[in-house]
PDB file of all heavy atoms in Angstrom:
ATOM      1  N   ALA A   1      78.272  12.329 -32.371  1.00  0.00           N
ATOM      2  CA  ALA A   1      77.551  12.486 -33.641  1.00  0.00           C
ATOM      3  C   ALA A   1      76.216  11.765 -33.595  1.00  0.00           C
ATOM      4  O   ALA A   1      75.199  12.276 -34.075  1.00  0.00           O
ATOM      5  CB  ALA A   1      78.402  11.964 -34.794  1.00  0.00           C
ATOM      6  N   HIS A   2      76.198  10.571 -32.997  1.00  0.00           N
ATOM      7  CA  HIS A   2      74.970   9.797 -32.920  1.00  0.00           C
ATOM      8  C   HIS A   2      73.948  10.496 -32.033  1.00  0.00           C
ATOM      9  O   HIS A   2      72.762  10.560 -32.357  1.00  0.00           O
ATOM     10  CB  HIS A   2      75.265   8.400 -32.375  1.00  0.00           C
ATOM     11  CG  HIS A   2      74.150   7.431 -32.600  1.00  0.00           C
ATOM     12  ND1 HIS A   2      74.090   6.611 -33.710  1.00  0.00           N
ATOM     13  CD2 HIS A   2      73.045   7.154 -31.876  1.00  0.00           C
ATOM     14  CE1 HIS A   2      73.002   5.867 -33.645  1.00  0.00           C
ATOM     15  NE2 HIS A   2      72.360   6.170 -32.539  1.00  0.00           N
ATOM     16  N   ALA A   3      74.407  11.049 -30.921  1.00  0.00           N
ATOM     17  CA  ALA A   3      73.499  11.743 -30.016  1.00  0.00           C
ATOM     18  C   ALA A   3      72.903  12.980 -30.686  1.00  0.00           C
ATOM     19  O   ALA A   3      71.712  13.281 -30.534  1.00  0.00           O
ATOM     20  CB  ALA A   3      74.228  12.129 -28.732  1.00  0.00           C
ATOM     21  N   ASN A   4      73.709  13.699 -31.441  1.00  0.00           N
ATOM     22  CA  ASN A   4      73.230  14.898 -32.115  1.00  0.00           C
ATOM     23  C   ASN A   4      72.241  14.572 -33.234  1.00  0.00           C
ATOM     24  O   ASN A   4      71.293  15.307 -33.490  1.00  0.00           O
ATOM     25  CB  ASN A   4      74.408  15.684 -32.701  1.00  0.00           C
ATOM     26  CG  ASN A   4      75.287  16.271 -31.624  1.00  0.00           C
ATOM     27  OD1 ASN A   4      74.831  16.497 -30.502  1.00  0.00           O
ATOM     28  ND2 ASN A   4      76.555  16.512 -31.951  1.00  0.00           N
ATOM     29  N   SER A   5      72.460  13.428 -33.912  1.00  0.00           N
ATOM     30  CA  SER A   5      71.624  13.085 -35.068  1.00  0.00           C
ATOM     31  C   SER A   5      70.321  12.424 -34.668  1.00  0.00           C
ATOM     32  O   SER A   5      69.278  12.655 -35.267  1.00  0.00           O
ATOM     33  CB  SER A   5      72.397  12.161 -36.015  1.00  0.00           C
ATOM     34  OG  SER A   5      73.570  12.789 -36.470  1.00  0.00           O
ATOM     35  N   PHE A   6      70.377  11.563 -33.650  1.00  0.00           N
ATOM     36  CA  PHE A   6      69.218  10.742 -33.346  1.00  0.00           C
ATOM     37  C   PHE A   6      68.644  10.984 -31.966  1.00  0.00           C
ATOM     38  O   PHE A   6      67.585  10.461 -31.649  1.00  0.00           O
ATOM     39  CB  PHE A   6      69.593   9.254 -33.463  1.00  0.00           C
ATOM     40  CG  PHE A   6      70.037   8.881 -34.844  1.00  0.00           C
ATOM     41  CD1 PHE A   6      71.383   8.742 -35.146  1.00  0.00           C
ATOM     42  CD2 PHE A   6      69.113   8.668 -35.843  1.00  0.00           C
ATOM     43  CE1 PHE A   6      71.794   8.401 -36.410  1.00  0.00           C
ATOM     44  CE2 PHE A   6      69.523   8.325 -37.116  1.00  0.00           C
ATOM     45  CZ  PHE A   6      70.862   8.184 -37.402  1.00  0.00           C
ATOM     46  N   GLY A   7      69.331  11.734 -31.136  1.00  0.00           N
ATOM     47  CA  GLY A   7      68.839  11.939 -29.788  1.00  0.00           C
ATOM     48  C   GLY A   7      68.998  10.673 -28.976  1.00  0.00           C
ATOM     49  O   GLY A   7      69.861   9.855 -29.220  1.00  0.00           O
ATOM     50  N   ARG A   8      68.108  10.488 -27.999  1.00  0.00           N
ATOM     51  CA  ARG A   8      68.205   9.323 -27.127  1.00  0.00           C
ATOM     52  C   ARG A   8      67.783   8.071 -27.872  1.00  0.00           C
ATOM     53  O   ARG A   8      66.809   8.057 -28.597  1.00  0.00           O
ATOM     54  CB  ARG A   8      67.300   9.512 -25.897  1.00  0.00           C
ATOM     55  CG  ARG A   8      67.810  10.544 -24.922  1.00  0.00           C
ATOM     56  CD  ARG A   8      66.788  10.769 -23.826  1.00  0.00           C
ATOM     57  NE  ARG A   8      66.527   9.557 -23.082  1.00  0.00           N
ATOM     58  CZ  ARG A   8      67.229   9.140 -22.043  1.00  0.00           C
ATOM     59  NH1 ARG A   8      68.270   9.840 -21.645  1.00  0.00           N
ATOM     60  NH2 ARG A   8      66.916   8.049 -21.399  1.00  0.00           N
ATOM     61  N   VAL A   9      68.534   7.007 -27.669  1.00  0.00           N
ATOM     62  CA  VAL A   9      68.196   5.711 -28.227  1.00  0.00           C
ATOM     63  C   VAL A   9      67.843   4.798 -27.065  1.00  0.00           C
ATOM     64  O   VAL A   9      68.617   4.659 -26.137  1.00  0.00           O
ATOM     65  CB  VAL A   9      69.393   5.123 -29.028  1.00  0.00           C
ATOM     66  CG1 VAL A   9      69.039   3.757 -29.564  1.00  0.00           C
ATOM     67  CG2 VAL A   9      69.763   6.060 -30.157  1.00  0.00           C
ATOM     68  N   GLU A  10      66.708   4.186 -27.132  1.00  0.00           N
ATOM     69  CA  GLU A  10      66.204   3.470 -25.973  1.00  0.00           C
ATOM     70  C   GLU A  10      66.670   2.025 -25.872  1.00  0.00           C
ATOM     71  O   GLU A  10      66.100   1.242 -25.149  1.00  0.00           O
ATOM     72  CB  GLU A  10      64.665   3.498 -25.994  1.00  0.00           C
ATOM     73  CG  GLU A  10      64.095   4.908 -25.881  1.00  0.00           C
ATOM     74  CD  GLU A  10      64.537   5.580 -24.593  1.00  0.00           C
ATOM     75  OE1 GLU A  10      64.648   4.914 -23.568  1.00  0.00           O
ATOM     76  OE2 GLU A  10      64.779   6.793 -24.635  1.00  0.00           O
ATOM     77  N   HIS A  11      67.699   1.652 -26.617  1.00  0.00           N
ATOM     78  CA  HIS A  11      68.220   0.286 -26.518  1.00  0.00           C
ATOM     79  C   HIS A  11      69.730   0.309 -26.388  1.00  0.00           C
ATOM     80  O   HIS A  11      70.418   0.727 -27.289  1.00  0.00           O
ATOM     81  CB  HIS A  11      67.881  -0.529 -27.773  1.00  0.00           C
ATOM     82  CG  HIS A  11      66.447  -0.886 -27.883  1.00  0.00           C
ATOM     83  ND1 HIS A  11      65.821  -1.703 -26.984  1.00  0.00           N
ATOM     84  CD2 HIS A  11      65.515  -0.533 -28.802  1.00  0.00           C
ATOM     85  CE1 HIS A  11      64.555  -1.861 -27.348  1.00  0.00           C
ATOM     86  NE2 HIS A  11      64.353  -1.160 -28.438  1.00  0.00           N
ATOM     87  N   THR A  12      70.280  -0.112 -25.267  1.00  0.00           N
ATOM     88  CA  THR A  12      71.700  -0.414 -25.217  1.00  0.00           C
ATOM     89  C   THR A  12      71.868  -1.872 -25.583  1.00  0.00           C
ATOM     90  O   THR A  12      70.909  -2.567 -25.861  1.00  0.00           O
ATOM     91  CB  THR A  12      72.250  -0.139 -23.809  1.00  0.00           C
ATOM     92  OG1 THR A  12      71.453  -0.840 -22.872  1.00  0.00           O
ATOM     93  CG2 THR A  12      72.225   1.341 -23.513  1.00  0.00           C
ATOM     94  N   GLY A  13      73.130  -2.319 -25.556  1.00  0.00           N
ATOM     95  CA  GLY A  13      73.442  -3.636 -26.085  1.00  0.00           C
ATOM     96  C   GLY A  13      72.544  -4.752 -25.618  1.00  0.00           C
ATOM     97  O   GLY A  13      71.902  -5.420 -26.415  1.00  0.00           O
ATOM     98  N   GLN A  14      72.465  -4.993 -24.312  1.00  0.00           N
ATOM     99  CA  GLN A  14      71.719  -6.149 -23.833  1.00  0.00           C
ATOM    100  C   GLN A  14      70.242  -6.033 -24.173  1.00  0.00           C
ATOM    101  O   GLN A  14      69.651  -6.933 -24.752  1.00  0.00           O
ATOM    102  CB  GLN A  14      71.901  -6.275 -22.306  1.00  0.00           C
ATOM    103  CG  GLN A  14      71.065  -7.365 -21.662  1.00  0.00           C
ATOM    104  CD  GLN A  14      71.614  -8.740 -21.955  1.00  0.00           C
ATOM    105  OE1 GLN A  14      72.756  -8.870 -22.358  1.00  0.00           O
ATOM    106  NE2 GLN A  14      70.812  -9.761 -21.773  1.00  0.00           N
ATOM    107  N   ALA A  15      69.608  -4.910 -23.841  1.00  0.00           N
ATOM    108  CA  ALA A  15      68.182  -4.772 -24.089  1.00  0.00           C
ATOM    109  C   ALA A  15      67.867  -4.787 -25.573  1.00  0.00           C
ATOM    110  O   ALA A  15      66.890  -5.381 -26.014  1.00  0.00           O
ATOM    111  CB  ALA A  15      67.666  -3.476 -23.464  1.00  0.00           C
ATOM    112  N   ALA A  16      68.704  -4.133 -26.367  1.00  0.00           N
ATOM    113  CA  ALA A  16      68.472  -4.111 -27.804  1.00  0.00           C
ATOM    114  C   ALA A  16      68.634  -5.482 -28.413  1.00  0.00           C
ATOM    115  O   ALA A  16      67.886  -5.879 -29.294  1.00  0.00           O
ATOM    116  CB  ALA A  16      69.443  -3.125 -28.466  1.00  0.00           C
ATOM    117  N   SER A  17      69.623  -6.230 -27.920  1.00  0.00           N
ATOM    118  CA  SER A  17      69.827  -7.571 -28.446  1.00  0.00           C
ATOM    119  C   SER A  17      68.643  -8.457 -28.105  1.00  0.00           C
ATOM    120  O   SER A  17      68.223  -9.302 -28.889  1.00  0.00           O
ATOM    121  CB  SER A  17      71.114  -8.161 -27.876  1.00  0.00           C
ATOM    122  OG  SER A  17      71.416  -9.377 -28.473  1.00  0.00           O
ATOM    123  N   GLU A  18      68.074  -8.271 -26.911  1.00  0.00           N
ATOM    124  CA  GLU A  18      66.880  -9.025 -26.549  1.00  0.00           C
ATOM    125  C   GLU A  18      65.742  -8.698 -27.510  1.00  0.00           C
ATOM    126  O   GLU A  18      65.040  -9.587 -27.997  1.00  0.00           O
ATOM    127  CB  GLU A  18      66.441  -8.675 -25.115  1.00  0.00           C
ATOM    128  CG  GLU A  18      67.489  -8.912 -24.048  1.00  0.00           C
ATOM    129  CD  GLU A  18      67.707 -10.378 -23.777  1.00  0.00           C
ATOM    130  OE1 GLU A  18      67.054 -11.211 -24.425  1.00  0.00           O
ATOM    131  OE2 GLU A  18      68.554 -10.697 -22.917  1.00  0.00           O
ATOM    132  N   ALA A  19      65.546  -7.413 -27.782  1.00  0.00           N
ATOM    133  CA  ALA A  19      64.456  -7.019 -28.667  1.00  0.00           C
ATOM    134  C   ALA A  19      64.666  -7.553 -30.068  1.00  0.00           C
ATOM    135  O   ALA A  19      63.739  -8.010 -30.731  1.00  0.00           O
ATOM    136  CB  ALA A  19      64.353  -5.489 -28.698  1.00  0.00           C
ATOM    137  N   CYS A  20      65.933  -7.503 -30.543  1.00  0.00           N
ATOM    138  CA  CYS A  20      66.239  -7.985 -31.882  1.00  0.00           C
ATOM    139  C   CYS A  20      65.923  -9.458 -32.002  1.00  0.00           C
ATOM    140  O   CYS A  20      65.428  -9.918 -33.005  1.00  0.00           O
ATOM    141  CB  CYS A  20      67.700  -7.729 -32.204  1.00  0.00           C
ATOM    142  SG  CYS A  20      68.215  -8.337 -33.802  1.00  0.00           S
ATOM    143  N   ALA A  21      66.247 -10.231 -30.947  1.00  0.00           N
ATOM    144  CA  ALA A  21      66.052 -11.666 -31.017  1.00  0.00           C
ATOM    145  C   ALA A  21      64.597 -12.067 -30.804  1.00  0.00           C
ATOM    146  O   ALA A  21      64.240 -13.210 -30.925  1.00  0.00           O
ATOM    147  CB  ALA A  21      66.936 -12.355 -29.966  1.00  0.00           C
ATOM    148  N   GLY A  22      63.740 -11.139 -30.462  1.00  0.00           N
ATOM    149  CA  GLY A  22      62.324 -11.423 -30.377  1.00  0.00           C
ATOM    150  C   GLY A  22      61.903 -12.114 -29.100  1.00  0.00           C
ATOM    151  O   GLY A  22      60.939 -12.866 -29.080  1.00  0.00           O
ATOM    152  N   VAL A  23      62.614 -11.884 -27.994  1.00  0.00           N
ATOM    153  CA  VAL A  23      62.272 -12.595 -26.773  1.00  0.00           C
ATOM    154  C   VAL A  23      61.456 -11.743 -25.808  1.00  0.00           C
ATOM    155  O   VAL A  23      60.960 -12.245 -24.816  1.00  0.00           O
ATOM    156  CB  VAL A  23      63.539 -13.071 -26.037  1.00  0.00           C
ATOM    157  CG1 VAL A  23      64.331 -13.992 -26.925  1.00  0.00           C
ATOM    158  CG2 VAL A  23      64.382 -11.894 -25.636  1.00  0.00           C
ATOM    159  N   ALA A  24      61.348 -10.455 -26.049  1.00  0.00           N
ATOM    160  CA  ALA A  24      60.592  -9.599 -25.139  1.00  0.00           C
ATOM    161  C   ALA A  24      59.112  -9.914 -25.256  1.00  0.00           C
ATOM    162  O   ALA A  24      58.558  -9.942 -26.337  1.00  0.00           O
ATOM    163  CB  ALA A  24      60.838  -8.139 -25.475  1.00  0.00           C
ATOM    164  N   ARG A  25      58.491 -10.181 -24.139  1.00  0.00           N
ATOM    165  CA  ARG A  25      57.061 -10.426 -24.166  1.00  0.00           C
ATOM    166  C   ARG A  25      56.307  -9.112 -24.289  1.00  0.00           C
ATOM    167  O   ARG A  25      56.844  -8.050 -24.015  1.00  0.00           O
ATOM    168  CB  ARG A  25      56.654 -11.185 -22.901  1.00  0.00           C
ATOM    169  CG  ARG A  25      57.318 -12.563 -22.829  1.00  0.00           C
ATOM    170  CD  ARG A  25      56.907 -13.310 -21.590  1.00  0.00           C
ATOM    171  NE  ARG A  25      57.583 -14.605 -21.534  1.00  0.00           N
ATOM    172  CZ  ARG A  25      57.442 -15.454 -20.538  1.00  0.00           C
ATOM    173  NH1 ARG A  25      56.671 -15.161 -19.507  1.00  0.00           N
ATOM    174  NH2 ARG A  25      58.075 -16.611 -20.559  1.00  0.00           N
ATOM    175  N   ILE A  26      55.069  -9.189 -24.677  1.00  0.00           N
ATOM    176  CA  ILE A  26      54.282  -7.982 -24.939  1.00  0.00           C
ATOM    177  C   ILE A  26      54.243  -7.113 -23.688  1.00  0.00           C
ATOM    178  O   ILE A  26      53.935  -7.578 -22.601  1.00  0.00           O
ATOM    179  CB  ILE A  26      52.849  -8.360 -25.364  1.00  0.00           C
ATOM    180  CG1 ILE A  26      52.908  -9.123 -26.695  1.00  0.00           C
ATOM    181  CG2 ILE A  26      51.978  -7.128 -25.482  1.00  0.00           C
ATOM    182  CD1 ILE A  26      51.560  -9.642 -27.135  1.00  0.00           C
ATOM    183  N   GLY A  27      54.577  -5.844 -23.883  1.00  0.00           N
ATOM    184  CA  GLY A  27      54.510  -4.892 -22.791  1.00  0.00           C
ATOM    185  C   GLY A  27      55.774  -4.769 -21.981  1.00  0.00           C
ATOM    186  O   GLY A  27      55.921  -3.851 -21.195  1.00  0.00           O
ATOM    187  N   GLU A  28      56.748  -5.713 -22.171  1.00  0.00           N
ATOM    188  CA  GLU A  28      57.959  -5.661 -21.366  1.00  0.00           C
ATOM    189  C   GLU A  28      59.014  -4.745 -21.965  1.00  0.00           C
ATOM    190  O   GLU A  28      59.835  -4.200 -21.252  1.00  0.00           O
ATOM    191  CB  GLU A  28      58.554  -7.069 -21.219  1.00  0.00           C
ATOM    192  CG  GLU A  28      57.720  -7.948 -20.311  1.00  0.00           C
ATOM    193  CD  GLU A  28      58.372  -9.298 -20.133  1.00  0.00           C
ATOM    194  OE1 GLU A  28      59.068  -9.757 -21.047  1.00  0.00           O
ATOM    195  OE2 GLU A  28      58.170  -9.889 -19.059  1.00  0.00           O
ATOM    196  N   LEU A  29      59.014  -4.595 -23.286  1.00  0.00           N
ATOM    197  CA  LEU A  29      60.029  -3.765 -23.914  1.00  0.00           C
ATOM    198  C   LEU A  29      59.445  -3.172 -25.177  1.00  0.00           C
ATOM    199  O   LEU A  29      59.069  -3.883 -26.088  1.00  0.00           O
ATOM    200  CB  LEU A  29      61.266  -4.601 -24.249  1.00  0.00           C
ATOM    201  CG  LEU A  29      62.452  -3.848 -24.860  1.00  0.00           C
ATOM    202  CD1 LEU A  29      62.945  -2.796 -23.880  1.00  0.00           C
ATOM    203  CD2 LEU A  29      63.573  -4.811 -25.190  1.00  0.00           C
ATOM    204  N   GLU A  30      59.337  -1.857 -25.224  1.00  0.00           N
ATOM    205  CA  GLU A  30      58.791  -1.183 -26.395  1.00  0.00           C
ATOM    206  C   GLU A  30      59.875  -0.361 -27.062  1.00  0.00           C
ATOM    207  O   GLU A  30      60.262   0.682 -26.561  1.00  0.00           O
ATOM    208  CB  GLU A  30      57.620  -0.266 -25.980  1.00  0.00           C
ATOM    209  CG  GLU A  30      56.383  -1.017 -25.526  1.00  0.00           C
ATOM    210  CD  GLU A  30      55.758  -1.815 -26.644  1.00  0.00           C
ATOM    211  OE1 GLU A  30      55.931  -1.434 -27.820  1.00  0.00           O
ATOM    212  OE2 GLU A  30      55.103  -2.827 -26.370  1.00  0.00           O
ATOM    213  N   PRO A  31      60.420  -0.813 -28.176  1.00  0.00           N
ATOM    214  CA  PRO A  31      61.464  -0.037 -28.848  1.00  0.00           C
ATOM    215  C   PRO A  31      60.908   1.252 -29.427  1.00  0.00           C
ATOM    216  O   PRO A  31      59.749   1.320 -29.821  1.00  0.00           O
ATOM    217  CB  PRO A  31      61.950  -0.973 -29.955  1.00  0.00           C
ATOM    218  CG  PRO A  31      60.799  -1.904 -30.193  1.00  0.00           C
ATOM    219  CD  PRO A  31      60.088  -2.050 -28.891  1.00  0.00           C
ATOM    220  N   THR A  32      61.748   2.293 -29.468  1.00  0.00           N
ATOM    221  CA  THR A  32      61.320   3.575 -30.006  1.00  0.00           C
ATOM    222  C   THR A  32      61.554   3.683 -31.498  1.00  0.00           C
ATOM    223  O   THR A  32      61.190   4.649 -32.120  1.00  0.00           O
ATOM    224  CB  THR A  32      62.085   4.713 -29.305  1.00  0.00           C
ATOM    225  OG1 THR A  32      63.490   4.503 -29.489  1.00  0.00           O
ATOM    226  CG2 THR A  32      61.765   4.737 -27.831  1.00  0.00           C
ATOM    227  N   ARG A  33      62.266   2.684 -32.079  1.00  0.00           N
ATOM    228  CA  ARG A  33      62.440   2.677 -33.523  1.00  0.00           C
ATOM    229  C   ARG A  33      62.538   1.232 -33.983  1.00  0.00           C
ATOM    230  O   ARG A  33      62.791   0.333 -33.196  1.00  0.00           O
ATOM    231  CB  ARG A  33      63.712   3.441 -33.926  1.00  0.00           C
ATOM    232  CG  ARG A  33      64.988   2.938 -33.291  1.00  0.00           C
ATOM    233  CD  ARG A  33      66.156   3.816 -33.687  1.00  0.00           C
ATOM    234  NE  ARG A  33      67.361   3.454 -32.989  1.00  0.00           N
ATOM    235  CZ  ARG A  33      68.227   2.547 -33.428  1.00  0.00           C
ATOM    236  NH1 ARG A  33      67.979   1.904 -34.548  1.00  0.00           N
ATOM    237  NH2 ARG A  33      69.323   2.275 -32.761  1.00  0.00           N
ATOM    238  N   THR A  34      62.320   0.998 -35.256  1.00  0.00           N
ATOM    239  CA  THR A  34      62.342  -0.352 -35.782  1.00  0.00           C
ATOM    240  C   THR A  34      63.765  -0.884 -35.810  1.00  0.00           C
ATOM    241  O   THR A  34      64.683  -0.202 -36.226  1.00  0.00           O
ATOM    242  CB  THR A  34      61.775  -0.375 -37.213  1.00  0.00           C
ATOM    243  OG1 THR A  34      60.462   0.144 -37.167  1.00  0.00           O
ATOM    244  CG2 THR A  34      61.761  -1.795 -37.764  1.00  0.00           C
ATOM    245  N   LEU A  35      63.955  -2.132 -35.365  1.00  0.00           N
ATOM    246  CA  LEU A  35      65.264  -2.756 -35.385  1.00  0.00           C
ATOM    247  C   LEU A  35      65.387  -3.599 -36.644  1.00  0.00           C
ATOM    248  O   LEU A  35      64.573  -4.470 -36.899  1.00  0.00           O
ATOM    249  CB  LEU A  35      65.448  -3.653 -34.151  1.00  0.00           C
ATOM    250  CG  LEU A  35      65.456  -2.926 -32.804  1.00  0.00           C
ATOM    251  CD1 LEU A  35      65.518  -3.931 -31.686  1.00  0.00           C
ATOM    252  CD2 LEU A  35      66.618  -1.971 -32.722  1.00  0.00           C
ATOM    253  N   ALA A  36      66.413  -3.330 -37.447  1.00  0.00           N
ATOM    254  CA  ALA A  36      66.617  -4.075 -38.687  1.00  0.00           C
ATOM    255  C   ALA A  36      67.372  -5.357 -38.380  1.00  0.00           C
ATOM    256  O   ALA A  36      68.580  -5.420 -38.498  1.00  0.00           O
ATOM    257  CB  ALA A  36      67.409  -3.230 -39.693  1.00  0.00           C
ATOM    258  N   CYS A  37      66.647  -6.385 -37.925  1.00  0.00           N
ATOM    259  CA  CYS A  37      67.292  -7.599 -37.461  1.00  0.00           C
ATOM    260  C   CYS A  37      67.156  -8.723 -38.466  1.00  0.00           C
ATOM    261  O   CYS A  37      66.140  -8.848 -39.133  1.00  0.00           O
ATOM    262  CB  CYS A  37      66.676  -8.064 -36.141  1.00  0.00           C
ATOM    263  SG  CYS A  37      66.775  -6.820 -34.841  1.00  0.00           S
TER     264      CYS A  37
END
């Protein structure tokens, strides 16, 4: 259902958690949607 509704999501657990916590330096990780953290 998630794949059909949203298509590809560019954050799995580890990478998304890094982005949520704000540790990715500029240019290292660009999320494709806003994370509600």
